[in-house]
C-alpha atoms as a PDB file:
ATOM      1  CA  MET A   1     -66.198 -62.732   8.662  1.00  0.00           C
ATOM      2  CA  VAL A   2     -63.278 -65.249   8.797  1.00  0.00           C
ATOM      3  CA  SER A   3     -60.138 -64.430  10.671  1.00  0.00           C
ATOM      4  CA  GLY A   4     -61.407 -60.433  10.720  1.00  0.00           C
ATOM      5  CA  LEU A   5     -61.075 -60.265   7.203  1.00  0.00           C
ATOM      6  CA  PRO A   6     -63.199 -57.517   5.528  1.00  0.00           C
ATOM      7  CA  ARG A   7     -66.337 -58.521   3.448  1.00  0.00           C
ATOM      8  CA  PRO A   8     -65.057 -58.917  -0.287  1.00  0.00           C
ATOM      9  CA  ARG A   9     -65.760 -56.433  -2.800  1.00  0.00           C
ATOM     10  CA  ILE A  10     -68.012 -57.817  -5.482  1.00  0.00           C
ATOM     11  CA  GLU A  11     -68.383 -56.102  -8.916  1.00  0.00           C
ATOM     12  CA  PRO A  12     -68.399 -56.959 -12.661  1.00  0.00           C
ATOM     13  CA  THR A  13     -65.106 -56.567 -14.826  1.00  0.00           C
ATOM     14  CA  ALA A  14     -66.531 -57.760 -18.276  1.00  0.00           C
ATOM     15  CA  GLU A  15     -69.840 -58.907 -19.705  1.00  0.00           C
ATOM     16  CA  ASP A  16     -68.830 -62.498 -18.301  1.00  0.00           C
ATOM     17  CA  ALA A  17     -66.760 -61.930 -15.583  1.00  0.00           C
ATOM     18  CA  VAL A  18     -66.905 -60.824 -12.023  1.00  0.00           C
ATOM     19  CA  LEU A  19     -64.229 -59.778  -9.519  1.00  0.00           C
ATOM     20  CA  VAL A  20     -64.361 -61.098  -5.826  1.00  0.00           C
ATOM     21  CA  GLU A  21     -61.532 -58.743  -4.236  1.00  0.00           C
ATOM     22  CA  PHE A  22     -60.298 -59.405  -0.577  1.00  0.00           C
ATOM     23  CA  SER A  23     -57.542 -57.053  -0.638  1.00  0.00           C
ATOM     24  CA  GLU A  24     -55.279 -54.924  -2.928  1.00  0.00           C
ATOM     25  CA  HIS A  25     -52.103 -56.128  -0.979  1.00  0.00           C
ATOM     26  CA  ILE A  26     -50.115 -59.041  -0.988  1.00  0.00           C
ATOM     27  CA  ASP A  27     -51.026 -61.091   2.021  1.00  0.00           C
ATOM     28  CA  PRO A  28     -49.970 -64.634   2.687  1.00  0.00           C
ATOM     29  CA  GLU A  29     -53.105 -65.037   4.904  1.00  0.00           C
ATOM     30  CA  ASN A  30     -55.263 -64.586   1.988  1.00  0.00           C
ATOM     31  CA  THR A  31     -54.161 -67.781   0.243  1.00  0.00           C
ATOM     32  CA  ALA A  32     -56.173 -70.486   2.116  1.00  0.00           C
ATOM     33  CA  LEU A  33     -59.214 -68.120   2.254  1.00  0.00           C
ATOM     34  CA  ILE A  34     -58.953 -67.651  -1.607  1.00  0.00           C
ATOM     35  CA  SER A  35     -58.667 -71.359  -2.110  1.00  0.00           C
ATOM     36  CA  ALA A  36     -61.728 -72.172   0.093  1.00  0.00           C
ATOM     37  CA  TRP A  37     -63.823 -69.498  -1.840  1.00  0.00           C
ATOM     38  CA  CYS A  38     -62.625 -71.008  -5.263  1.00  0.00           C
ATOM     39  CA  GLU A  39     -63.914 -74.755  -4.032  1.00  0.00           C
ATOM     40  CA  GLN A  40     -67.142 -73.122  -2.866  1.00  0.00           C
ATOM     41  CA  ILE A  41     -67.785 -71.318  -6.275  1.00  0.00           C
ATOM     42  CA  ARG A  42     -66.737 -74.396  -8.191  1.00  0.00           C
ATOM     43  CA  GLN A  43     -69.494 -76.436  -6.201  1.00  0.00           C
ATOM     44  CA  ARG A  44     -72.381 -73.840  -6.594  1.00  0.00           C
ATOM     45  CA  MET A  45     -71.797 -72.597 -10.062  1.00  0.00           C
ATOM     46  CA  ALA A  46     -70.477 -75.864 -11.774  1.00  0.00           C
ATOM     47  CA  GLY A  47     -73.243 -75.341 -14.594  1.00  0.00           C
ATOM     48  CA  TRP A  48     -72.165 -71.674 -15.266  1.00  0.00           C
ATOM     49  CA  LEU A  49     -68.472 -71.546 -14.672  1.00  0.00           C
ATOM     50  CA  THR A  50     -65.834 -71.226 -17.388  1.00  0.00           C
ATOM     51  CA  ASP A  51     -62.772 -70.086 -15.512  1.00  0.00           C
ATOM     52  CA  LEU A  52     -61.462 -69.105 -12.168  1.00  0.00           C
ATOM     53  CA  VAL A  53     -58.366 -67.033 -11.939  1.00  0.00           C
ATOM     54  CA  PRO A  54     -57.165 -66.517  -8.435  1.00  0.00           C
ATOM     55  CA  SER A  55     -54.460 -64.033  -7.598  1.00  0.00           C
ATOM     56  CA  TYR A  56     -53.146 -62.328  -4.460  1.00  0.00           C
ATOM     57  CA  GLY A  57     -56.106 -60.867  -3.029  1.00  0.00           C
ATOM     58  CA  SER A  58     -58.987 -61.548  -5.274  1.00  0.00           C
ATOM     59  CA  ILE A  59     -60.657 -64.035  -7.726  1.00  0.00           C
ATOM     60  CA  THR A  60     -61.895 -63.432 -11.044  1.00  0.00           C
ATOM     61  CA  VAL A  61     -65.058 -65.511 -11.956  1.00  0.00           C
ATOM     62  CA  TYR A  62     -65.749 -66.079 -15.718  1.00  0.00           C
ATOM     63  CA  TYR A  63     -69.237 -67.548 -16.434  1.00  0.00           C
ATOM     64  CA  ASN A  64     -71.412 -68.452 -19.492  1.00  0.00           C
ATOM     65  CA  PRO A  65     -73.571 -65.504 -20.176  1.00  0.00           C
ATOM     66  CA  VAL A  66     -75.697 -67.862 -22.584  1.00  0.00           C
ATOM     67  CA  VAL A  67     -76.562 -70.090 -19.502  1.00  0.00           C
ATOM     68  CA  VAL A  68     -76.832 -67.368 -16.585  1.00  0.00           C
ATOM     69  CA  ASP A  69     -77.442 -63.818 -16.118  1.00  0.00           C
ATOM     70  CA  PHE A  70     -75.264 -61.349 -14.288  1.00  0.00           C
ATOM     71  CA  TYR A  71     -77.713 -60.844 -11.435  1.00  0.00           C
ATOM     72  CA  SER A  72     -77.729 -64.610 -10.554  1.00  0.00           C
ATOM     73  CA  VAL A  73     -73.914 -65.046 -10.428  1.00  0.00           C
ATOM     74  CA  ILE A  74     -73.678 -61.902  -8.032  1.00  0.00           C
ATOM     75  CA  ASN A  75     -76.484 -63.409  -6.043  1.00  0.00           C
ATOM     76  CA  GLU A  76     -74.479 -66.505  -5.562  1.00  0.00           C
ATOM     77  CA  LEU A  77     -71.388 -64.788  -4.822  1.00  0.00           C
ATOM     78  CA  THR A  78     -73.338 -62.635  -2.137  1.00  0.00           C
ATOM     79  CA  ALA A  79     -74.647 -65.783  -0.755  1.00  0.00           C
ATOM     80  CA  ILE A  80     -71.108 -67.224  -0.363  1.00  0.00           C
ATOM     81  CA  SER A  81     -70.071 -63.906   1.460  1.00  0.00           C
ATOM     82  CA  ASP A  82     -73.028 -64.104   3.988  1.00  0.00           C
ATOM     83  CA  ASN A  83     -72.046 -67.574   4.836  1.00  0.00           C
ATOM     84  CA  PRO A  84     -68.115 -67.514   3.961  1.00  0.00           C
ATOM     85  CA  PRO A  85     -66.414 -70.843   3.959  1.00  0.00           C
ATOM     86  CA  GLN A  86     -63.551 -71.766   6.257  1.00  0.00           C
ATOM     87  CA  PRO A  87     -60.154 -71.651   5.088  1.00  0.00           C
ATOM     88  CA  SER A  88     -58.373 -74.937   5.481  1.00  0.00           C
ATOM     89  CA  SER A  89     -55.523 -75.317   7.834  1.00  0.00           C
ATOM     90  CA  ALA A  90     -53.899 -77.786   5.394  1.00  0.00           C
ATOM     91  CA  ARG A  91     -50.731 -76.579   3.760  1.00  0.00           C
ATOM     92  CA  GLY A  92     -49.778 -77.054   0.236  1.00  0.00           C
ATOM     93  CA  ARG A  93     -46.836 -79.213  -1.045  1.00  0.00           C
ATOM     94  CA  LEU A  94     -43.256 -78.336  -0.318  1.00  0.00           C
ATOM     95  CA  ILE A  95     -41.375 -78.439  -3.435  1.00  0.00           C
ATOM     96  CA  GLU A  96     -37.602 -77.856  -3.926  1.00  0.00           C
ATOM     97  CA  LEU A  97     -36.159 -76.259  -7.147  1.00  0.00           C
ATOM     98  CA  PRO A  98     -32.568 -76.405  -7.906  1.00  0.00           C
ATOM     99  CA  VAL A  99     -30.955 -73.410  -9.060  1.00  0.00           C
ATOM    100  CA  TRP A 100     -27.709 -72.442 -10.580  1.00  0.00           C
ATOM    101  CA  TYR A 101     -26.955 -69.000  -9.331  1.00  0.00           C
ATOM    102  CA  HIS A 102     -24.523 -67.571 -11.607  1.00  0.00           C
ATOM    103  CA  PRO A 103     -23.795 -64.216 -14.020  1.00  0.00           C
ATOM    104  CA  GLN A 104     -23.844 -66.697 -17.117  1.00  0.00           C
ATOM    105  CA  VAL A 105     -27.529 -67.314 -16.663  1.00  0.00           C
ATOM    106  CA  GLY A 106     -28.322 -64.602 -14.104  1.00  0.00           C
ATOM    107  CA  PRO A 107     -27.137 -61.462 -15.759  1.00  0.00           C
ATOM    108  CA  ASP A 108     -28.810 -59.257 -12.728  1.00  0.00           C
ATOM    109  CA  LEU A 109     -27.017 -61.046  -9.845  1.00  0.00           C
ATOM    110  CA  GLU A 110     -24.270 -58.887  -9.505  1.00  0.00           C
ATOM    111  CA  SER A 111     -26.387 -55.548  -9.976  1.00  0.00           C
ATOM    112  CA  VAL A 112     -28.983 -56.771  -7.434  1.00  0.00           C
ATOM    113  CA  ALA A 113     -26.083 -57.213  -4.879  1.00  0.00           C
ATOM    114  CA  ALA A 114     -24.729 -53.746  -5.721  1.00  0.00           C
ATOM    115  CA  PHE A 115     -28.253 -52.223  -5.404  1.00  0.00           C
ATOM    116  CA  HIS A 116     -28.236 -53.562  -1.667  1.00  0.00           C
ATOM    117  CA  ASP A 117     -24.448 -52.793  -1.115  1.00  0.00           C
ATOM    118  CA  THR A 118     -23.776 -56.521  -0.500  1.00  0.00           C
ATOM    119  CA  THR A 119     -22.320 -59.460  -2.482  1.00  0.00           C
ATOM    120  CA  PRO A 120     -23.741 -62.000  -4.920  1.00  0.00           C
ATOM    121  CA  ALA A 121     -22.970 -64.755  -2.464  1.00  0.00           C
ATOM    122  CA  GLU A 122     -25.087 -63.090   0.227  1.00  0.00           C
ATOM    123  CA  VAL A 123     -27.949 -62.613  -2.583  1.00  0.00           C
ATOM    124  CA  ILE A 124     -27.812 -66.200  -3.088  1.00  0.00           C
ATOM    125  CA  ARG A 125     -27.796 -67.124   0.625  1.00  0.00           C
ATOM    126  CA  ILE A 126     -30.980 -64.956   1.438  1.00  0.00           C
ATOM    127  CA  HIS A 127     -32.492 -66.079  -1.813  1.00  0.00           C
ATOM    128  CA  SER A 128     -32.239 -69.444  -0.981  1.00  0.00           C
ATOM    129  CA  GLU A 129     -32.554 -69.570   2.626  1.00  0.00           C
ATOM    130  CA  THR A 130     -36.164 -68.097   2.308  1.00  0.00           C
ATOM    131  CA  ARG A 131     -39.110 -70.339   1.871  1.00  0.00           C
ATOM    132  CA  TYR A 132     -41.819 -68.977  -0.454  1.00  0.00           C
ATOM    133  CA  GLN A 133     -45.757 -69.294  -0.749  1.00  0.00           C
ATOM    134  CA  VAL A 134     -47.142 -69.588  -4.301  1.00  0.00           C
ATOM    135  CA  PHE A 135     -49.791 -67.074  -4.369  1.00  0.00           C
ATOM    136  CA  ALA A 136     -50.954 -67.269  -7.898  1.00  0.00           C
ATOM    137  CA  LEU A 137     -50.546 -68.486 -11.418  1.00  0.00           C
ATOM    138  CA  GLY A 138     -50.667 -66.047 -14.347  1.00  0.00           C
ATOM    139  CA  PHE A 139     -48.700 -64.163 -17.198  1.00  0.00           C
ATOM    140  CA  SER A 140     -47.704 -67.334 -18.687  1.00  0.00           C
ATOM    141  CA  PRO A 141     -48.700 -71.003 -18.528  1.00  0.00           C
ATOM    142  CA  GLY A 142     -47.017 -72.505 -15.323  1.00  0.00           C
ATOM    143  CA  PHE A 143     -45.722 -68.926 -14.230  1.00  0.00           C
ATOM    144  CA  ALA A 144     -46.205 -68.935 -10.445  1.00  0.00           C
ATOM    145  CA  TYR A 145     -46.041 -65.393  -8.400  1.00  0.00           C
ATOM    146  CA  MET A 146     -44.074 -66.490  -5.022  1.00  0.00           C
ATOM    147  CA  GLY A 147     -43.211 -64.284  -2.001  1.00  0.00           C
ATOM    148  CA  LEU A 148     -42.240 -62.599   0.079  1.00  0.00           C
ATOM    149  CA  VAL A 149     -38.837 -61.954  -1.110  1.00  0.00           C
ATOM    150  CA  SER A 150     -36.824 -60.504   1.982  1.00  0.00           C
ATOM    151  CA  PRO A 151     -36.178 -56.655   1.984  1.00  0.00           C
ATOM    152  CA  ASP A 152     -32.677 -57.090   2.139  1.00  0.00           C
ATOM    153  CA  ILE A 153     -32.697 -58.342  -1.615  1.00  0.00           C
ATOM    154  CA  ALA A 154     -36.094 -57.022  -2.654  1.00  0.00           C
ATOM    155  CA  THR A 155     -35.341 -55.098  -5.930  1.00  0.00           C
ATOM    156  CA  PRO A 156     -37.524 -53.153  -8.321  1.00  0.00           C
ATOM    157  CA  ARG A 157     -38.062 -54.534 -11.842  1.00  0.00           C
ATOM    158  CA  LEU A 158     -35.949 -53.346 -14.656  1.00  0.00           C
ATOM    159  CA  SER A 159     -36.540 -49.963 -16.150  1.00  0.00           C
ATOM    160  CA  ARG A 160     -36.609 -51.457 -19.690  1.00  0.00           C
ATOM    161  CA  PRO A 161     -38.076 -55.047 -20.237  1.00  0.00           C
ATOM    162  CA  ARG A 162     -35.866 -57.522 -22.022  1.00  0.00           C
ATOM    163  CA  LEU A 163     -37.383 -58.987 -25.257  1.00  0.00           C
ATOM    164  CA  ARG A 164     -36.399 -62.390 -24.531  1.00  0.00           C
ATOM    165  CA  VAL A 165     -35.785 -64.306 -21.042  1.00  0.00           C
ATOM    166  CA  ALA A 166     -34.750 -67.882 -21.190  1.00  0.00           C
ATOM    167  CA  ALA A 167     -36.984 -70.602 -19.881  1.00  0.00           C
ATOM    168  CA  GLY A 168     -35.788 -71.570 -16.312  1.00  0.00           C
ATOM    169  CA  SER A 169     -34.782 -68.038 -15.636  1.00  0.00           C
ATOM    170  CA  VAL A 170     -35.192 -66.935 -11.740  1.00  0.00           C
ATOM    171  CA  GLY A 171     -36.294 -63.512 -11.101  1.00  0.00           C
ATOM    172  CA  ILE A 172     -36.886 -60.992  -8.362  1.00  0.00           C
ATOM    173  CA  ALA A 173     -39.448 -57.952  -8.664  1.00  0.00           C
ATOM    174  CA  ASP A 174     -39.874 -56.181  -5.537  1.00  0.00           C
ATOM    175  CA  GLN A 175     -41.113 -58.706  -3.112  1.00  0.00           C
ATOM    176  CA  GLN A 176     -41.869 -61.355  -5.574  1.00  0.00           C
ATOM    177  CA  THR A 177     -39.834 -63.968  -6.946  1.00  0.00           C
ATOM    178  CA  ALA A 178     -40.750 -66.448  -9.838  1.00  0.00           C
ATOM    179  CA  VAL A 179     -39.321 -69.014 -12.393  1.00  0.00           C
ATOM    180  CA  TYR A 180     -39.969 -68.261 -16.132  1.00  0.00           C
ATOM    181  CA  PRO A 181     -41.533 -71.660 -17.593  1.00  0.00           C
ATOM    182  CA  SER A 182     -40.822 -70.777 -21.060  1.00  0.00           C
ATOM    183  CA  VAL A 183     -39.001 -68.311 -23.149  1.00  0.00           C
ATOM    184  CA  SER A 184     -40.963 -64.831 -22.848  1.00  0.00           C
ATOM    185  CA  PRO A 185     -40.417 -61.082 -22.581  1.00  0.00           C
ATOM    186  CA  GLY A 186     -39.715 -60.069 -19.109  1.00  0.00           C
ATOM    187  CA  GLY A 187     -38.804 -57.127 -16.803  1.00  0.00           C
ATOM    188  CA  TRP A 188     -37.893 -59.068 -13.687  1.00  0.00           C
ATOM    189  CA  GLN A 189     -34.202 -59.068 -12.079  1.00  0.00           C
ATOM    190  CA  ILE A 190     -32.468 -62.362 -13.249  1.00  0.00           C
ATOM    191  CA  ILE A 191     -30.435 -64.070 -10.885  1.00  0.00           C
ATOM    192  CA  GLY A 192     -30.218 -67.567 -11.748  1.00  0.00           C
ATOM    193  CA  ARG A 193     -31.690 -70.549 -13.669  1.00  0.00           C
ATOM    194  CA  CYS A 194     -33.771 -73.452 -12.389  1.00  0.00           C
ATOM    195  CA  ALA A 195     -33.045 -76.955 -13.819  1.00  0.00           C
ATOM    196  CA  MET A 196     -36.511 -78.294 -13.335  1.00  0.00           C
ATOM    197  CA  PRO A 197     -39.143 -77.734 -16.038  1.00  0.00           C
ATOM    198  CA  LEU A 198     -42.193 -75.950 -14.490  1.00  0.00           C
ATOM    199  CA  PHE A 199     -44.720 -76.568 -17.482  1.00  0.00           C
ATOM    200  CA  ASP A 200     -45.388 -78.956 -20.358  1.00  0.00           C
ATOM    201  CA  GLU A 201     -48.414 -80.048 -22.218  1.00  0.00           C
ATOM    202  CA  GLU A 202     -48.937 -83.419 -20.714  1.00  0.00           C
ATOM    203  CA  ARG A 203     -48.156 -82.536 -16.766  1.00  0.00           C
ATOM    204  CA  LEU A 204     -49.216 -78.790 -17.184  1.00  0.00           C
ATOM    205  CA  ALA A 205     -48.136 -76.671 -14.280  1.00  0.00           C
ATOM    206  CA  LEU A 206     -45.896 -78.081 -11.675  1.00  0.00           C
ATOM    207  CA  LEU A 207     -46.631 -75.429  -8.840  1.00  0.00           C
ATOM    208  CA  GLU A 208     -50.144 -74.642  -7.755  1.00  0.00           C
ATOM    209  CA  ALA A 209     -51.345 -71.555  -5.328  1.00  0.00           C
ATOM    210  CA  GLY A 210     -50.745 -72.689  -1.607  1.00  0.00           C
ATOM    211  CA  ASP A 211     -47.454 -74.759  -2.491  1.00  0.00           C
ATOM    212  CA  THR A 212     -44.376 -73.688  -0.335  1.00  0.00           C
ATOM    213  CA  ILE A 213     -41.107 -73.375  -2.590  1.00  0.00           C
ATOM    214  CA  ARG A 214     -37.523 -73.666  -1.628  1.00  0.00           C
ATOM    215  CA  PHE A 215     -34.528 -72.840  -3.975  1.00  0.00           C
ATOM    216  CA  ARG A 216     -31.550 -75.047  -3.692  1.00  0.00           C
ATOM    217  CA  PRO A 217     -28.238 -73.589  -5.003  1.00  0.00           C
ATOM    218  CA  VAL A 218     -26.518 -76.173  -7.045  1.00  0.00           C
ATOM    219  CA  ASP A 219     -23.180 -75.849  -8.850  1.00  0.00           C
ATOM    220  CA  HIS A 220     -22.733 -76.110 -12.531  1.00  0.00           C
ATOM    221  CA  HIS A 221     -21.856 -79.646 -12.665  1.00  0.00           C
ATOM    222  CA  GLU A 222     -24.903 -80.736 -10.873  1.00  0.00           C
ATOM    223  CA  PHE A 223     -27.100 -78.215 -12.774  1.00  0.00           C
ATOM    224  CA  LEU A 224     -26.064 -79.861 -16.056  1.00  0.00           C
ATOM    225  CA  LYS A 225     -26.694 -83.430 -14.723  1.00  0.00           C
ATOM    226  CA  LEU A 226     -30.266 -82.459 -13.533  1.00  0.00           C
ATOM    227  CA  GLY A 227     -30.910 -81.308 -17.290  1.00  0.00           C
ATOM    228  CA  GLY A 228     -30.331 -77.516 -16.816  1.00  0.00           C
ATOM    229  CA  ASP A 229     -29.403 -75.411 -20.007  1.00  0.00           C
ATOM    230  CA  ASP A 230     -26.503 -73.497 -19.395  1.00  0.00           C
ATOM    231  CA  THR A 231     -26.739 -71.347 -22.897  1.00  0.00           C
ATOM    232  CA  PRO A 232     -25.450 -67.782 -21.719  1.00  0.00           C
ATOM    233  CA  PHE A 233     -28.100 -65.216 -21.109  1.00  0.00           C
ATOM    234  CA  ASN A 234     -29.157 -63.196 -24.204  1.00  0.00           C
ATOM    235  CA  ASP A 235     -29.159 -59.702 -22.562  1.00  0.00           C
ATOM    236  CA  GLN A 236     -31.476 -58.062 -25.039  1.00  0.00           C
ATOM    237  CA  VAL A 237     -33.736 -55.326 -24.008  1.00  0.00           C
ATOM    238  CA  THR A 238     -36.401 -53.230 -25.485  1.00  0.00           C
ATOM    239  CA  SER A 239     -35.390 -49.734 -27.238  1.00  0.00           C
ATOM    240  CA  THR A 240     -38.235 -47.940 -25.555  1.00  0.00           C
END
């Protein structure tokens, strides 16, 4: 196997889906391998494939059961596993995202600082000085799971998720960080707001798995100049 990685576990998850699992843990080393597998699957299963969903340590392969049976899909995936593709050494894009870190739009900035017995300024410094890898897209269109967040500011999800998280909200959940591309419910610790839209119907998702992200702190004036929305955060949570 490549780089000493274990042979992936291959098993059905639905009548039209098979899971290819490399690891149950977040591991940046898996990203290139998963990308190589996705490319190989697309090439070998072009006539059957309906969707591919890569994540931190796995790929869910969706296929058309009218065109192909389960055993043929398993056979193709096993053949790839027997002769695995070489991960590319090429890195994804480096993308800078401007963020206004402020309690007005980041209602959890001060509580994250208190959780770690530090200051909001230190949370901002650590979060913005770390470069993050996009591991996977999911939850909502354009929502990119990134990591790894420094243990010095990694903070658990809220005990009660909010009913409404504003578009552009930058959050932390344990060792992950992300930007909410659109208004949605969510339980991540919100520490700021990004001025750059991450999804629209024409360009679709701005970020892709394998990209490297740097968050650049901006002041209120630059945030507004870049098109940011400074509407105060509606800190509403569920009742259960």
